[in-house]
Amino acid sequence: MTVRRLFGLARWYLRELTGEAAYGHYLDRHRRTHPDAPAMPRREFERRRTDRGDSHPGARCC
């Protein structure tokens, strides 16, 4: 395995772990299920995601 491939895998893992890839996943799903409707802007998506996390803390410690 090359260094470039390892770097790509590490980058993918960190993006998934931190939630950075969530907007991309949302856009993919939105395009498949609602092809004619506009997707919400990233800022609104992040705001809703934060609000949802605050109202449903799950396994968070704080």
Protein backbone atom coordinates (compact mmCIF):
# COMPACT_ATOMS: atom_id res chain seq x y z
CA MET A 1 0.00 0.00 0.00
CA THR A 2 1.37 3.41 -0.93
CA VAL A 3 1.73 6.39 1.35
CA ARG A 4 -0.82 8.27 -0.75
CA ARG A 5 -3.37 5.47 -0.30
CA LEU A 6 -2.73 5.35 3.46
CA PHE A 7 -3.16 9.11 3.68
CA GLY A 8 -6.45 8.86 1.77
CA LEU A 9 -7.75 6.14 4.07
CA ALA A 10 -6.75 8.11 7.17
CA ARG A 11 -8.46 11.22 5.78
CA TRP A 12 -11.64 9.26 4.99
CA TYR A 13 -11.66 7.72 8.48
CA LEU A 14 -11.19 11.06 10.24
CA ARG A 15 -13.93 12.73 8.16
CA GLU A 16 -16.34 9.93 9.04
CA LEU A 17 -15.31 9.93 12.70
CA THR A 18 -15.73 13.69 13.15
CA GLY A 19 -18.94 13.98 11.13
CA GLU A 20 -17.35 16.19 8.47
CA ALA A 21 -18.67 13.86 5.73
CA ALA A 22 -22.29 14.06 6.97
CA TYR A 23 -23.27 16.86 4.58
CA GLY A 24 -21.94 14.93 1.61
CA HIS A 25 -23.93 11.88 2.70
CA TYR A 26 -27.01 14.07 3.06
CA LEU A 27 -26.57 15.48 -0.46
CA ASP A 28 -26.18 12.01 -1.96
CA ARG A 29 -29.31 10.76 -0.21
CA HIS A 30 -31.26 13.92 -1.06
CA ARG A 31 -30.40 13.66 -4.77
CA ARG A 32 -31.58 10.03 -4.83
CA THR A 33 -34.84 10.55 -2.96
CA HIS A 34 -35.81 14.11 -3.98
CA PRO A 35 -34.14 14.83 -7.35
CA ASP A 36 -36.35 17.85 -8.14
CA ALA A 37 -36.21 19.56 -4.75
CA PRO A 38 -33.35 21.87 -3.77
CA ALA A 39 -31.11 20.65 -0.97
CA MET A 40 -30.72 22.76 2.14
CA PRO A 41 -27.54 24.83 2.35
CA ARG A 42 -24.69 23.50 4.43
CA ARG A 43 -25.16 26.15 7.12
CA GLU A 44 -28.78 25.14 7.69
CA PHE A 45 -27.87 21.44 7.62
CA GLU A 46 -25.19 21.97 10.29
CA ARG A 47 -27.57 24.08 12.41
CA ARG A 48 -30.23 21.36 12.34
CA ARG A 49 -27.64 18.69 13.05
CA THR A 50 -26.38 20.64 16.07
CA ASP A 51 -29.92 21.26 17.33
CA ARG A 52 -30.79 17.56 16.94
CA GLY A 53 -27.64 16.62 18.86
CA ASP A 54 -28.52 19.04 21.66
CA SER A 55 -32.08 17.74 22.00
CA HIS A 56 -31.08 14.05 21.74
CA PRO A 57 -27.66 13.77 23.43
CA GLY A 58 -27.47 9.96 23.28
CA ALA A 59 -24.14 8.69 24.55
CA ARG A 60 -22.47 12.08 24.94
CA CYS A 61 -21.01 12.76 28.34
CA CYS A 62 -21.77 16.51 28.41
